[in-house]
Amino acid sequence: MAGKIEVKNVNTPGKTSHVDAAKYAEMRAAFEAALPKASPGLSQAEIREAVRPHLSDAHCPNGQTAGWWAKTVQLDLEAKSLLKRELTKPLRWHWN
């Protein structure tokens, strides 16, 4: 699948999906720029806001679909043990 990347989902072990590689790479770079390396981390709502300034309009016009891409990348990175989920309310994530 040209232009696609395989992603995992921490909530459904063993299941993979294929998504646009360029959009994934851009959102992952936004995660790297926005997500803290230590606790307490950011909530899902805070992640959506923190990554927006790092996204180009070509991939997420006016931030549209940024929430979906943020969740996809978060689940994949967490499945790969690169992100740590803090069991707080609301849930929070930071780099592992």
C-alpha atoms as a PDB file:
ATOM      1  CA  MET A   1       0.000   0.000   0.000  1.00  0.00           C
ATOM      2  CA  ALA A   2       1.871   2.992  -1.273  1.00  0.00           C
ATOM      3  CA  GLY A   3       1.664   6.046   0.927  1.00  0.00           C
ATOM      4  CA  LYS A   4       0.204   4.113   3.874  1.00  0.00           C
ATOM      5  CA  ILE A   5       1.587   3.196   7.287  1.00  0.00           C
ATOM      6  CA  GLU A   6       0.442   0.426   9.606  1.00  0.00           C
ATOM      7  CA  VAL A   7      -0.805   1.569  13.001  1.00  0.00           C
ATOM      8  CA  LYS A   8      -1.721  -0.364  16.123  1.00  0.00           C
ATOM      9  CA  ASN A   9      -4.434   0.284  18.691  1.00  0.00           C
ATOM     10  CA  VAL A  10      -3.656  -0.264  22.379  1.00  0.00           C
ATOM     11  CA  ASN A  11      -7.365  -0.937  23.005  1.00  0.00           C
ATOM     12  CA  THR A  12      -7.523  -3.827  20.504  1.00  0.00           C
ATOM     13  CA  PRO A  13      -4.231  -5.746  20.689  1.00  0.00           C
ATOM     14  CA  GLY A  14      -3.265  -7.524  17.481  1.00  0.00           C
ATOM     15  CA  LYS A  15      -5.492  -5.351  15.286  1.00  0.00           C
ATOM     16  CA  THR A  16      -3.799  -3.037  12.833  1.00  0.00           C
ATOM     17  CA  SER A  17      -5.022  -0.464  10.340  1.00  0.00           C
ATOM     18  CA  HIS A  18      -3.396   1.397   7.469  1.00  0.00           C
ATOM     19  CA  VAL A  19      -3.531   5.183   7.345  1.00  0.00           C
ATOM     20  CA  ASP A  20      -2.014   7.965   5.255  1.00  0.00           C
ATOM     21  CA  ALA A  21       1.728   7.973   6.031  1.00  0.00           C
ATOM     22  CA  ALA A  22       2.261  11.706   5.446  1.00  0.00           C
ATOM     23  CA  LYS A  23      -0.587  12.738   7.751  1.00  0.00           C
ATOM     24  CA  TYR A  24       0.556  10.261  10.390  1.00  0.00           C
ATOM     25  CA  ALA A  25       4.131  11.591  10.202  1.00  0.00           C
ATOM     26  CA  GLU A  26       2.967  15.186  10.559  1.00  0.00           C
ATOM     27  CA  MET A  27       0.791  14.397  13.576  1.00  0.00           C
ATOM     28  CA  ARG A  28       3.568  12.348  15.175  1.00  0.00           C
ATOM     29  CA  ALA A  29       5.954  15.304  14.747  1.00  0.00           C
ATOM     30  CA  ALA A  30       3.303  17.530  16.358  1.00  0.00           C
ATOM     31  CA  PHE A  31       3.124  15.058  19.283  1.00  0.00           C
ATOM     32  CA  GLU A  32       6.895  15.191  19.635  1.00  0.00           C
ATOM     33  CA  ALA A  33       6.768  18.981  19.777  1.00  0.00           C
ATOM     34  CA  ALA A  34       3.767  19.294  22.091  1.00  0.00           C
ATOM     35  CA  LEU A  35       3.658  16.366  24.503  1.00  0.00           C
ATOM     36  CA  PRO A  36       5.627  16.561  27.753  1.00  0.00           C
ATOM     37  CA  LYS A  37       8.212  13.968  28.707  1.00  0.00           C
ATOM     38  CA  ALA A  38       6.990  13.589  32.281  1.00  0.00           C
ATOM     39  CA  SER A  39       3.885  13.346  34.403  1.00  0.00           C
ATOM     40  CA  PRO A  40       1.266  14.759  34.687  1.00  0.00           C
ATOM     41  CA  GLY A  41       1.095  14.912  30.865  1.00  0.00           C
ATOM     42  CA  LEU A  42      -1.836  16.198  28.835  1.00  0.00           C
ATOM     43  CA  SER A  43      -5.476  15.156  28.609  1.00  0.00           C
ATOM     44  CA  GLN A  44      -7.002  14.227  25.243  1.00  0.00           C
ATOM     45  CA  ALA A  45      -8.595  17.680  24.967  1.00  0.00           C
ATOM     46  CA  GLU A  46      -5.276  19.352  25.836  1.00  0.00           C
ATOM     47  CA  ILE A  47      -3.443  17.211  23.259  1.00  0.00           C
ATOM     48  CA  ARG A  48      -5.863  18.272  20.502  1.00  0.00           C
ATOM     49  CA  GLU A  49      -5.188  21.930  21.304  1.00  0.00           C
ATOM     50  CA  ALA A  50      -1.424  21.529  21.817  1.00  0.00           C
ATOM     51  CA  VAL A  51      -0.785  19.847  18.457  1.00  0.00           C
ATOM     52  CA  ARG A  52      -2.828  22.255  16.301  1.00  0.00           C
ATOM     53  CA  PRO A  53      -0.123  24.953  16.003  1.00  0.00           C
ATOM     54  CA  HIS A  54       2.275  22.300  14.650  1.00  0.00           C
ATOM     55  CA  LEU A  55      -0.010  21.144  11.795  1.00  0.00           C
ATOM     56  CA  SER A  56      -0.038  22.465   8.265  1.00  0.00           C
ATOM     57  CA  ASP A  57      -3.257  23.571   6.583  1.00  0.00           C
ATOM     58  CA  ALA A  58      -2.478  21.133   3.760  1.00  0.00           C
ATOM     59  CA  HIS A  59      -2.995  18.157   6.060  1.00  0.00           C
ATOM     60  CA  CYS A  60      -5.559  19.509   8.514  1.00  0.00           C
ATOM     61  CA  PRO A  61      -7.308  22.591   7.102  1.00  0.00           C
ATOM     62  CA  ASN A  62      -8.266  24.852  10.013  1.00  0.00           C
ATOM     63  CA  GLY A  63      -7.492  21.979  12.382  1.00  0.00           C
ATOM     64  CA  GLN A  64     -10.235  19.804  10.868  1.00  0.00           C
ATOM     65  CA  THR A  65      -9.737  16.106  11.570  1.00  0.00           C
ATOM     66  CA  ALA A  66      -6.919  16.993  13.979  1.00  0.00           C
ATOM     67  CA  GLY A  67      -8.813  15.249  16.782  1.00  0.00           C
ATOM     68  CA  TRP A  68      -9.137  11.998  14.805  1.00  0.00           C
ATOM     69  CA  TRP A  69      -5.478  12.025  13.806  1.00  0.00           C
ATOM     70  CA  ALA A  70      -4.370  12.886  17.348  1.00  0.00           C
ATOM     71  CA  LYS A  71      -6.320   9.925  18.738  1.00  0.00           C
ATOM     72  CA  THR A  72      -5.004   7.568  16.037  1.00  0.00           C
ATOM     73  CA  VAL A  73      -1.388   8.543  16.708  1.00  0.00           C
ATOM     74  CA  GLN A  74      -1.896   8.461  20.489  1.00  0.00           C
ATOM     75  CA  LEU A  75      -3.323   4.913  20.376  1.00  0.00           C
ATOM     76  CA  ASP A  76      -0.519   3.734  18.076  1.00  0.00           C
ATOM     77  CA  LEU A  77       2.288   5.275  20.139  1.00  0.00           C
ATOM     78  CA  GLU A  78       0.763   3.897  23.306  1.00  0.00           C
ATOM     79  CA  ALA A  79       0.493   0.403  21.748  1.00  0.00           C
ATOM     80  CA  LYS A  80       4.198   0.671  20.882  1.00  0.00           C
ATOM     81  CA  SER A  81       4.985   1.651  24.514  1.00  0.00           C
ATOM     82  CA  LEU A  82       6.253   5.087  23.478  1.00  0.00           C
ATOM     83  CA  LEU A  83       3.536   6.926  25.428  1.00  0.00           C
ATOM     84  CA  LYS A  84       2.545   6.410  29.038  1.00  0.00           C
ATOM     85  CA  ARG A  85      -1.096   6.640  30.075  1.00  0.00           C
ATOM     86  CA  GLU A  86      -1.639   8.105  33.541  1.00  0.00           C
ATOM     87  CA  LEU A  87      -4.717   6.571  35.154  1.00  0.00           C
ATOM     88  CA  THR A  88      -6.158   9.896  36.253  1.00  0.00           C
ATOM     89  CA  LYS A  89      -9.506  11.513  35.550  1.00  0.00           C
ATOM     90  CA  PRO A  90      -9.355  12.702  32.889  1.00  0.00           C
ATOM     91  CA  LEU A  91      -6.754  10.321  31.437  1.00  0.00           C
ATOM     92  CA  ARG A  92      -3.416  11.981  30.659  1.00  0.00           C
ATOM     93  CA  TRP A  93      -0.473  10.987  28.450  1.00  0.00           C
ATOM     94  CA  HIS A  94       3.235  11.790  28.301  1.00  0.00           C
ATOM     95  CA  TRP A  95       6.286  10.265  26.634  1.00  0.00           C
ATOM     96  CA  ASN A  96       7.413   7.021  28.208  1.00  0.00           C
END
